[in-house]
Amino acid sequence: MPLLRDPGHKEMVSCLEDIASSAPVPNAIIVISAHWEEQVPTITAGKIPPLIYDYYGFPDDSYKIQYPCRGDPDLADEVHRLLISSEIGAALDDSRGFDHGLFVPLKIMYPEANIPCIQLSLVNTLDPNQHIAIGRALRKLCRENILVIGSGFSFHNLEAFFAVDTSESRRLNHAFEKWLMKVCSSRDYSEEERTEMLVHWSKAEGAHYCHPREEHLLPLHVCYGVAESPCSESFRVTIMNKESSMYVW
């Protein structure tokens, strides 16, 4: 919908454009997508991955979107080696394409599609600790100027998007966003404390309302594992009438 100029995604588009314009252009991009789960973290390894239109019921134009970026098999191999050396079972997939967790944000941020990309899956256990550990393994990347994107959503309750907005739903949405912003941004926490809070995110007020299932939150855990520090920038955005946020390290 953001690529089809849906007004409910206007702030999202502007925020992603601003983030891309304010940072150095990366040499390659790793995207952790909320839309791919495997038994072990799996990395796309093809040279020219096709696009996967992994959604249904949208306008015809949404199935004609193109984003012809190259893959990066060498970077995929390095990520695979780092995970294995960190005693995290991992796999390469040279046939899987890029899902909309990759091509939607990148078509907004880097529309020329001239930066090689790889995609990294979630693990289907959806264990927060495991995803933070995956991020820690990526911290040892040898190649420089690699952008790591956690492509998820700080609010992902599909039923709530189409339900009547109430004072209670707004309260729960606001409570979780306030908690997440503080956890990711505050310098008052040690990294042990921050990790503990992210691992036990479901105890936060509004957590289960905002995330009936946690797959859209866990890409953030991978990014935190890479940085293991408070974020350097945060952004509040309204998307489809819901409070949400983005974080940059």
Protein backbone atom coordinates (compact mmCIF):
# COMPACT_ATOMS: atom_id res chain seq x y z
CA MET A 1 0.00 0.00 0.00
CA PRO A 2 2.81 2.54 0.60
CA LEU A 3 3.98 1.93 -2.98
CA LEU A 4 0.44 2.51 -4.25
CA ARG A 5 0.34 5.95 -2.57
CA ASP A 6 -2.09 4.95 0.16
CA PRO A 7 -2.57 8.07 2.35
CA GLY A 8 -2.45 5.97 5.52
CA HIS A 9 1.22 5.20 4.77
CA LYS A 10 2.32 8.75 3.90
CA GLU A 11 4.32 9.27 7.12
CA MET A 12 6.00 5.89 6.71
CA VAL A 13 7.16 6.77 3.20
CA SER A 14 8.48 10.18 4.26
CA CYS A 15 10.33 8.71 7.24
CA LEU A 16 12.04 6.01 5.18
CA GLU A 17 13.03 8.57 2.54
CA ASP A 18 14.52 10.83 5.23
CA ILE A 19 16.47 7.96 6.81
CA ALA A 20 17.93 6.94 3.45
CA SER A 21 18.85 10.50 2.47
CA SER A 22 20.62 11.22 5.76
CA ALA A 23 22.89 8.15 5.79
CA PRO A 24 25.79 7.09 3.55
CA VAL A 25 24.73 4.93 0.62
CA PRO A 26 25.53 1.34 1.67
CA ASN A 27 27.66 -1.08 -0.33
CA ALA A 28 25.18 -3.89 0.36
CA ILE A 29 22.03 -4.46 2.38
CA ILE A 30 20.92 -7.27 4.69
CA VAL A 31 17.17 -7.37 5.31
CA ILE A 32 15.67 -9.41 8.15
CA SER A 33 12.09 -9.90 6.98
CA ALA A 34 9.09 -10.59 9.21
CA HIS A 35 7.64 -12.53 6.27
CA TRP A 36 10.06 -15.44 6.19
CA GLU A 37 10.43 -18.07 8.92
CA GLU A 38 12.56 -21.21 8.82
CA GLN A 39 13.77 -23.86 11.29
CA VAL A 40 17.22 -22.22 11.21
CA PRO A 41 18.20 -18.72 10.06
CA THR A 42 18.36 -18.95 6.28
CA ILE A 43 20.01 -16.56 3.84
CA THR A 44 19.12 -15.88 0.21
CA ALA A 45 22.17 -16.79 -1.87
CA GLY A 46 20.99 -16.33 -5.45
CA LYS A 47 22.65 -13.90 -7.85
CA ILE A 48 19.36 -12.43 -9.13
CA PRO A 49 16.54 -13.39 -6.77
CA PRO A 50 13.01 -12.95 -8.17
CA LEU A 51 10.31 -11.08 -6.26
CA ILE A 52 7.74 -12.98 -4.20
CA TYR A 53 4.32 -11.31 -4.10
CA ASP A 54 3.51 -12.84 -0.73
CA TYR A 55 0.12 -11.20 -0.20
CA TYR A 56 -3.39 -11.54 -1.58
CA GLY A 57 -6.48 -9.43 -2.16
CA PHE A 58 -4.61 -6.26 -3.15
CA PRO A 59 -5.03 -4.15 -6.32
CA ASP A 60 -3.60 -5.55 -9.55
CA ASP A 61 -0.81 -2.96 -9.57
CA SER A 62 0.62 -4.47 -6.38
CA TYR A 63 1.51 -7.61 -8.36
CA LYS A 64 3.35 -5.62 -11.02
CA ILE A 65 5.87 -3.99 -8.66
CA GLN A 66 9.45 -4.47 -9.79
CA TYR A 67 12.68 -4.14 -7.82
CA PRO A 68 15.49 -5.69 -9.91
CA CYS A 69 18.34 -5.51 -7.41
CA ARG A 70 21.10 -8.09 -7.47
CA GLY A 71 21.75 -10.64 -4.80
CA ASP A 72 25.13 -10.94 -3.09
CA PRO A 73 26.22 -14.59 -2.78
CA ASP A 74 29.57 -13.64 -1.21
CA LEU A 75 27.88 -11.66 1.55
CA ALA A 76 25.41 -14.52 2.03
CA ASP A 77 28.34 -16.90 2.47
CA GLU A 78 29.93 -14.60 5.05
CA VAL A 79 26.70 -14.30 7.05
CA HIS A 80 26.34 -18.09 6.93
CA ARG A 81 29.91 -18.59 8.21
CA LEU A 82 29.41 -16.09 11.02
CA LEU A 83 26.26 -17.83 12.22
CA ILE A 84 27.89 -21.24 12.10
CA SER A 85 30.99 -19.97 13.93
CA SER A 86 28.66 -18.59 16.63
CA GLU A 87 27.18 -22.11 16.96
CA ILE A 88 23.91 -21.03 15.36
CA GLY A 89 22.68 -23.54 12.82
CA ALA A 90 22.10 -21.79 9.49
CA ALA A 91 21.34 -22.48 5.84
CA LEU A 92 21.76 -20.92 2.41
CA ASP A 93 18.93 -20.84 -0.15
CA ASP A 94 19.96 -20.02 -3.71
CA SER A 95 16.44 -20.27 -5.15
CA ARG A 96 14.25 -18.19 -2.83
CA GLY A 97 13.28 -14.71 -3.96
CA PHE A 98 12.82 -11.43 -2.10
CA ASP A 99 9.48 -10.95 -0.34
CA HIS A 100 7.72 -7.65 0.27
CA GLY A 101 9.57 -7.21 3.56
CA LEU A 102 12.52 -6.33 1.34
CA PHE A 103 11.18 -4.74 -1.82
CA VAL A 104 8.63 -2.41 -0.21
CA PRO A 105 11.00 -0.43 2.06
CA LEU A 106 13.90 -0.58 -0.40
CA LYS A 107 11.85 0.67 -3.34
CA ILE A 108 11.10 3.71 -1.16
CA MET A 109 14.61 4.16 0.22
CA TYR A 110 16.75 3.19 -2.78
CA PRO A 111 14.44 3.25 -5.83
CA GLU A 112 17.31 2.77 -8.31
CA ALA A 113 17.65 -0.86 -7.11
CA ASN A 114 21.41 -0.63 -7.65
CA ILE A 115 22.56 -1.93 -4.25
CA PRO A 116 23.06 -5.71 -3.86
CA CYS A 117 20.86 -7.28 -1.20
CA ILE A 118 20.43 -10.46 0.76
CA GLN A 119 17.53 -11.47 2.94
CA LEU A 120 17.74 -13.29 6.27
CA SER A 121 14.87 -15.30 7.69
CA LEU A 122 13.51 -15.39 11.20
CA VAL A 123 13.60 -18.65 13.13
CA ASN A 124 10.16 -20.19 13.53
CA THR A 125 10.58 -20.66 17.28
CA LEU A 126 10.15 -16.86 17.50
CA ASP A 127 12.48 -16.90 20.50
CA PRO A 128 13.63 -13.32 21.29
CA ASN A 129 16.93 -14.50 22.80
CA GLN A 130 17.74 -16.47 19.67
CA HIS A 131 17.16 -13.46 17.43
CA ILE A 132 19.33 -11.20 19.57
CA ALA A 133 22.05 -13.87 19.29
CA ILE A 134 21.71 -13.83 15.50
CA GLY A 135 22.31 -10.09 15.56
CA ARG A 136 25.38 -10.50 17.77
CA ALA A 137 26.83 -12.92 15.21
CA LEU A 138 26.33 -10.35 12.43
CA ARG A 139 28.32 -7.81 14.42
CA LYS A 140 31.48 -9.63 13.28
CA LEU A 141 30.95 -8.88 9.59
CA CYS A 142 34.25 -8.12 7.88
CA ARG A 143 32.80 -6.12 5.01
CA GLU A 144 32.31 -2.45 5.72
CA ASN A 145 29.39 -0.13 5.02
CA ILE A 146 26.72 -2.85 5.21
CA LEU A 147 23.21 -1.65 6.07
CA VAL A 148 21.19 -4.06 8.21
CA ILE A 149 17.44 -3.47 8.08
CA GLY A 150 14.94 -5.07 10.43
CA SER A 151 11.82 -5.05 8.26
CA GLY A 152 8.86 -5.52 10.55
CA PHE A 153 6.42 -3.22 12.29
CA SER A 154 6.19 -1.93 15.86
CA PHE A 155 2.39 -2.39 15.60
CA HIS A 156 1.01 -5.43 13.81
CA ASN A 157 -2.54 -6.33 14.77
CA LEU A 158 -4.28 -6.78 11.44
CA GLU A 159 -7.76 -7.00 12.91
CA ALA A 160 -7.23 -3.75 14.80
CA PHE A 161 -6.43 -1.87 11.59
CA PHE A 162 -9.96 -2.49 10.40
CA ALA A 163 -11.82 -2.38 13.72
CA VAL A 164 -13.46 0.63 15.33
CA ASP A 165 -10.88 2.70 17.17
CA THR A 166 -11.70 3.06 20.88
CA SER A 167 -10.17 4.82 23.85
CA GLU A 168 -8.95 1.42 25.10
CA SER A 169 -7.33 0.45 21.81
CA ARG A 170 -5.59 3.84 21.64
CA ARG A 171 -4.42 3.45 25.24
CA LEU A 172 -2.91 0.01 24.59
CA ASN A 173 -1.27 1.17 21.37
CA HIS A 174 0.21 4.21 23.10
CA ALA A 175 1.37 2.25 26.15
CA PHE A 176 3.36 -0.26 24.12
CA GLU A 177 4.87 2.40 21.86
CA LYS A 178 5.93 4.42 24.90
CA TRP A 179 7.54 1.32 26.43
CA LEU A 180 9.33 0.35 23.20
CA MET A 181 10.62 3.85 22.60
CA LYS A 182 12.02 4.02 26.13
CA VAL A 183 13.63 0.58 25.96
CA CYS A 184 15.31 1.25 22.62
CA SER A 185 16.32 4.86 23.27
CA SER A 186 17.04 5.37 26.96
CA ARG A 187 20.64 5.58 28.12
CA ASP A 188 19.56 4.92 31.70
CA TYR A 189 19.63 1.14 31.16
CA SER A 190 22.60 -1.17 31.06
CA GLU A 191 22.70 -3.42 28.01
CA GLU A 192 21.94 -6.38 30.28
CA GLU A 193 18.77 -4.61 31.42
CA ARG A 194 17.82 -3.61 27.88
CA THR A 195 18.31 -7.16 26.65
CA GLU A 196 16.20 -8.53 29.50
CA MET A 197 13.35 -6.15 28.67
CA LEU A 198 13.43 -6.99 24.97
CA VAL A 199 13.49 -10.70 25.73
CA HIS A 200 10.43 -10.29 27.97
CA TRP A 201 8.69 -7.75 25.71
CA SER A 202 5.37 -9.57 26.09
CA LYS A 203 5.09 -8.37 29.71
CA ALA A 204 4.81 -4.74 28.57
CA GLU A 205 1.41 -3.10 28.71
CA GLY A 206 -0.31 -3.36 25.34
CA ALA A 207 2.17 -5.93 24.02
CA HIS A 208 -0.32 -8.58 23.01
CA TYR A 209 -2.74 -6.04 21.58
CA CYS A 210 -0.01 -4.61 19.35
CA HIS A 211 1.47 -8.03 18.56
CA PRO A 212 -0.95 -10.97 18.73
CA ARG A 213 1.96 -12.84 17.10
CA GLU A 214 5.49 -11.53 17.47
CA GLU A 215 7.03 -12.10 14.04
CA HIS A 216 6.82 -8.40 13.12
CA LEU A 217 8.64 -7.32 16.27
CA LEU A 218 11.57 -9.76 16.13
CA PRO A 219 13.51 -8.10 13.28
CA LEU A 220 14.12 -5.32 15.82
CA HIS A 221 15.71 -7.86 18.19
CA VAL A 222 18.17 -8.87 15.47
CA CYS A 223 19.10 -5.22 14.86
CA TYR A 224 19.54 -4.64 18.57
CA GLY A 225 21.82 -7.68 18.74
CA VAL A 226 24.04 -6.13 16.06
CA ALA A 227 24.33 -2.82 17.92
CA GLU A 228 23.73 -3.75 21.58
CA SER A 229 23.39 -0.10 22.53
CA PRO A 230 20.66 2.52 22.75
CA CYS A 231 19.55 3.66 19.31
CA SER A 232 21.01 6.85 17.90
CA GLU A 233 17.73 8.04 16.39
CA SER A 234 14.06 7.18 16.78
CA PHE A 235 11.02 8.26 14.82
CA ARG A 236 7.33 8.31 15.72
CA VAL A 237 5.04 7.75 12.75
CA THR A 238 1.31 7.20 12.36
CA ILE A 239 0.54 4.34 9.96
CA MET A 240 -3.06 3.48 9.12
CA ASN A 241 -4.16 5.50 12.15
CA LYS A 242 -1.93 3.57 14.56
CA GLU A 243 1.05 4.83 16.54
CA SER A 244 4.28 3.18 15.41
CA SER A 245 8.00 3.84 15.50
CA MET A 246 11.29 3.29 13.71
CA TYR A 247 14.78 3.03 15.20
CA VAL A 248 18.22 3.67 13.77
CA TRP A 249 21.56 2.55 15.20
